[in-house]
Amino acid sequence: MSQPGLHSATFTPLWDPDEADRLLPSITTQGVRVIETPLLDPEGFDFIGTRHAAERLGIEIVCLLGLPDELDVLTQAD
């Protein structure tokens, strides 16, 4: 079953798991259960803090990574 989701950029410019405690309770009351957040800086991403925020708030975090054109299957010719 699909879960309602929201990209983190709709409510904060950069994902911060500490800020999630302040912002997400009111968002989750609207039924949002999945937050998509970009891995703009994979080495600096707070994976542990993000996992704890997800557990505290009862949500799922889905990360995305924009691929360069040479690796993106959508930009490859047949």
N, C-alpha and C. Protein backbone atom coordinates (compact mmCIF):
# COMPACT_ATOMS: atom_id res chain seq x y z
N MET A 1 0.84 -1.18 0.00
CA MET A 1 0.00 0.00 0.00
C MET A 1 0.88 1.25 0.00
N SER A 2 0.54 2.19 -0.82
CA SER A 2 1.30 3.44 -0.91
C SER A 2 1.09 4.28 0.34
N GLN A 3 2.15 4.98 0.69
CA GLN A 3 2.10 5.90 1.83
C GLN A 3 2.26 7.32 1.32
N PRO A 4 1.49 8.27 1.85
CA PRO A 4 1.67 9.66 1.44
C PRO A 4 3.07 10.15 1.80
N GLY A 5 3.71 10.81 0.85
CA GLY A 5 5.06 11.29 1.08
C GLY A 5 5.22 12.75 0.69
N LEU A 6 6.37 13.30 1.08
CA LEU A 6 6.66 14.70 0.84
C LEU A 6 8.17 14.85 0.73
N HIS A 7 8.62 15.65 -0.23
CA HIS A 7 10.05 15.93 -0.34
C HIS A 7 10.43 16.93 0.75
N SER A 8 11.56 16.69 1.40
CA SER A 8 11.98 17.55 2.52
C SER A 8 12.18 19.00 2.10
N ALA A 9 12.49 19.25 0.83
CA ALA A 9 12.71 20.63 0.38
C ALA A 9 11.43 21.46 0.41
N THR A 10 10.28 20.83 0.57
CA THR A 10 9.04 21.60 0.65
C THR A 10 8.88 22.29 2.01
N PHE A 11 9.65 21.85 3.00
CA PHE A 11 9.52 22.48 4.31
C PHE A 11 10.85 22.93 4.92
N THR A 12 11.97 22.56 4.31
CA THR A 12 13.27 23.01 4.81
C THR A 12 14.29 22.98 3.66
N PRO A 13 15.20 23.95 3.59
CA PRO A 13 16.14 23.96 2.48
C PRO A 13 17.14 22.80 2.52
N LEU A 14 17.56 22.39 3.69
CA LEU A 14 18.48 21.27 3.85
C LEU A 14 17.95 20.36 4.95
N TRP A 15 17.97 19.06 4.71
CA TRP A 15 17.49 18.11 5.71
C TRP A 15 18.38 18.15 6.95
N ASP A 16 17.75 18.27 8.11
CA ASP A 16 18.44 18.27 9.39
C ASP A 16 17.60 17.44 10.35
N PRO A 17 18.09 16.29 10.80
CA PRO A 17 17.27 15.45 11.66
C PRO A 17 16.85 16.12 12.96
N ASP A 18 17.65 17.05 13.48
CA ASP A 18 17.26 17.76 14.70
C ASP A 18 16.08 18.70 14.42
N GLU A 19 16.09 19.34 13.26
CA GLU A 19 15.00 20.22 12.87
C GLU A 19 13.71 19.43 12.62
N ALA A 20 13.85 18.16 12.28
CA ALA A 20 12.69 17.30 12.02
C ALA A 20 11.77 17.25 13.24
N ASP A 21 12.33 17.24 14.43
CA ASP A 21 11.50 17.20 15.64
C ASP A 21 10.60 18.42 15.76
N ARG A 22 11.05 19.53 15.22
CA ARG A 22 10.26 20.77 15.28
C ARG A 22 9.25 20.84 14.15
N LEU A 23 9.65 20.41 12.95
CA LEU A 23 8.82 20.61 11.76
C LEU A 23 7.85 19.46 11.46
N LEU A 24 8.26 18.23 11.68
CA LEU A 24 7.48 17.10 11.19
C LEU A 24 6.23 16.72 11.98
N PRO A 25 6.15 16.98 13.29
CA PRO A 25 4.91 16.59 13.97
C PRO A 25 3.65 17.17 13.33
N SER A 26 3.67 18.43 12.94
CA SER A 26 2.47 19.00 12.31
C SER A 26 2.26 18.46 10.90
N ILE A 27 3.34 18.10 10.22
CA ILE A 27 3.23 17.54 8.87
C ILE A 27 2.66 16.13 8.92
N THR A 28 3.11 15.34 9.89
CA THR A 28 2.62 13.97 9.98
C THR A 28 1.15 13.90 10.42
N THR A 29 0.65 14.95 11.06
CA THR A 29 -0.78 14.94 11.41
C THR A 29 -1.65 15.03 10.16
N GLN A 30 -1.04 15.42 9.03
CA GLN A 30 -1.77 15.48 7.76
C GLN A 30 -1.69 14.16 7.00
N GLY A 31 -1.11 13.12 7.63
CA GLY A 31 -1.06 11.80 7.02
C GLY A 31 0.23 11.48 6.29
N VAL A 32 1.17 12.40 6.25
CA VAL A 32 2.45 12.15 5.58
C VAL A 32 3.24 11.13 6.40
N ARG A 33 3.68 10.06 5.74
CA ARG A 33 4.41 9.00 6.43
C ARG A 33 5.78 8.72 5.80
N VAL A 34 6.07 9.36 4.67
CA VAL A 34 7.35 9.17 3.99
C VAL A 34 7.93 10.54 3.67
N ILE A 35 9.20 10.72 4.03
CA ILE A 35 9.91 11.95 3.70
C ILE A 35 11.06 11.57 2.79
N GLU A 36 11.12 12.23 1.64
CA GLU A 36 12.19 12.02 0.68
C GLU A 36 13.21 13.12 0.86
N THR A 37 14.46 12.76 0.99
CA THR A 37 15.50 13.76 1.18
C THR A 37 16.69 13.45 0.29
N PRO A 38 17.27 14.47 -0.34
CA PRO A 38 18.40 14.24 -1.23
C PRO A 38 19.70 14.03 -0.47
N LEU A 39 20.56 13.22 -1.04
CA LEU A 39 21.91 13.02 -0.50
C LEU A 39 22.86 13.94 -1.27
N LEU A 40 22.74 15.22 -1.01
CA LEU A 40 23.59 16.19 -1.71
C LEU A 40 25.04 16.09 -1.25
N ASP A 41 25.23 15.67 -0.02
CA ASP A 41 26.58 15.51 0.55
C ASP A 41 26.59 14.18 1.30
N PRO A 42 26.73 13.05 0.58
CA PRO A 42 26.65 11.74 1.24
C PRO A 42 27.62 11.57 2.41
N GLU A 43 28.82 12.12 2.30
CA GLU A 43 29.79 11.98 3.38
C GLU A 43 29.38 12.76 4.63
N GLY A 44 28.66 13.85 4.46
CA GLY A 44 28.26 14.67 5.58
C GLY A 44 26.84 14.41 6.08
N PHE A 45 26.14 13.47 5.45
CA PHE A 45 24.75 13.20 5.81
C PHE A 45 24.69 12.50 7.16
N ASP A 46 23.81 12.96 8.04
CA ASP A 46 23.66 12.40 9.38
C ASP A 46 22.70 11.21 9.33
N PHE A 47 23.23 10.04 8.97
CA PHE A 47 22.41 8.84 8.84
C PHE A 47 21.86 8.38 10.18
N ILE A 48 22.68 8.43 11.21
CA ILE A 48 22.22 7.98 12.53
C ILE A 48 21.14 8.90 13.07
N GLY A 49 21.36 10.21 12.99
CA GLY A 49 20.35 11.17 13.44
C GLY A 49 19.07 11.05 12.65
N THR A 50 19.19 10.79 11.35
CA THR A 50 18.02 10.63 10.49
C THR A 50 17.24 9.39 10.88
N ARG A 51 17.94 8.30 11.13
CA ARG A 51 17.27 7.07 11.56
C ARG A 51 16.53 7.29 12.87
N HIS A 52 17.16 7.96 13.82
CA HIS A 52 16.51 8.22 15.11
C HIS A 52 15.29 9.12 14.95
N ALA A 53 15.39 10.13 14.08
CA ALA A 53 14.24 11.01 13.83
C ALA A 53 13.09 10.21 13.24
N ALA A 54 13.39 9.34 12.29
CA ALA A 54 12.35 8.51 11.68
C ALA A 54 11.67 7.62 12.71
N GLU A 55 12.45 7.02 13.58
CA GLU A 55 11.90 6.15 14.62
C GLU A 55 11.05 6.94 15.61
N ARG A 56 11.53 8.10 16.02
CA ARG A 56 10.77 8.94 16.97
C ARG A 56 9.44 9.38 16.39
N LEU A 57 9.44 9.71 15.10
CA LEU A 57 8.26 10.31 14.47
C LEU A 57 7.39 9.29 13.75
N GLY A 58 7.84 8.04 13.68
CA GLY A 58 7.04 7.00 13.03
C GLY A 58 6.89 7.22 11.54
N ILE A 59 7.98 7.66 10.90
CA ILE A 59 7.96 7.91 9.46
C ILE A 59 9.06 7.10 8.79
N GLU A 60 9.01 7.05 7.47
CA GLU A 60 10.06 6.43 6.68
C GLU A 60 10.82 7.53 5.95
N ILE A 61 12.13 7.43 5.95
CA ILE A 61 12.97 8.37 5.22
C ILE A 61 13.46 7.66 3.96
N VAL A 62 13.25 8.28 2.82
CA VAL A 62 13.72 7.75 1.55
C VAL A 62 14.73 8.74 0.99
N CYS A 63 15.93 8.26 0.71
CA CYS A 63 16.98 9.13 0.18
C CYS A 63 17.06 8.99 -1.33
N LEU A 64 17.43 10.07 -1.97
CA LEU A 64 17.62 10.04 -3.41
C LEU A 64 18.97 10.64 -3.73
N LEU A 65 19.48 10.22 -4.86
CA LEU A 65 20.78 10.70 -5.30
C LEU A 65 20.69 10.99 -6.78
N GLY A 66 20.87 12.24 -7.16
CA GLY A 66 20.85 12.60 -8.57
C GLY A 66 22.09 12.03 -9.25
N LEU A 67 21.89 11.30 -10.31
CA LEU A 67 23.00 10.69 -11.03
C LEU A 67 23.48 11.58 -12.16
N PRO A 68 24.78 11.54 -12.45
CA PRO A 68 25.26 12.27 -13.63
C PRO A 68 24.66 11.64 -14.88
N ASP A 69 24.57 12.41 -15.95
CA ASP A 69 23.93 11.94 -17.18
C ASP A 69 24.46 10.60 -17.66
N GLU A 70 25.76 10.37 -17.55
CA GLU A 70 26.32 9.12 -18.06
C GLU A 70 25.87 7.88 -17.27
N LEU A 71 25.33 8.07 -16.09
CA LEU A 71 24.84 6.95 -15.28
C LEU A 71 23.33 6.91 -15.16
N ASP A 72 22.65 7.96 -15.57
CA ASP A 72 21.20 8.06 -15.44
C ASP A 72 20.53 7.30 -16.58
N VAL A 73 19.78 6.25 -16.24
CA VAL A 73 19.14 5.43 -17.27
C VAL A 73 18.11 6.22 -18.07
N LEU A 74 17.59 7.29 -17.53
CA LEU A 74 16.59 8.08 -18.24
C LEU A 74 17.20 8.94 -19.34
N THR A 75 18.49 9.19 -19.28
CA THR A 75 19.12 10.03 -20.29
C THR A 75 19.89 9.21 -21.32
N GLN A 76 19.92 7.91 -21.14
CA GLN A 76 20.65 7.03 -22.07
C GLN A 76 19.82 6.76 -23.31
N ALA A 77 20.48 6.74 -24.46
CA ALA A 77 19.80 6.42 -25.73
C ALA A 77 19.57 4.92 -25.80
N ASP A 78 18.56 4.53 -26.55
CA ASP A 78 18.28 3.10 -26.74
C ASP A 78 19.38 2.41 -27.50
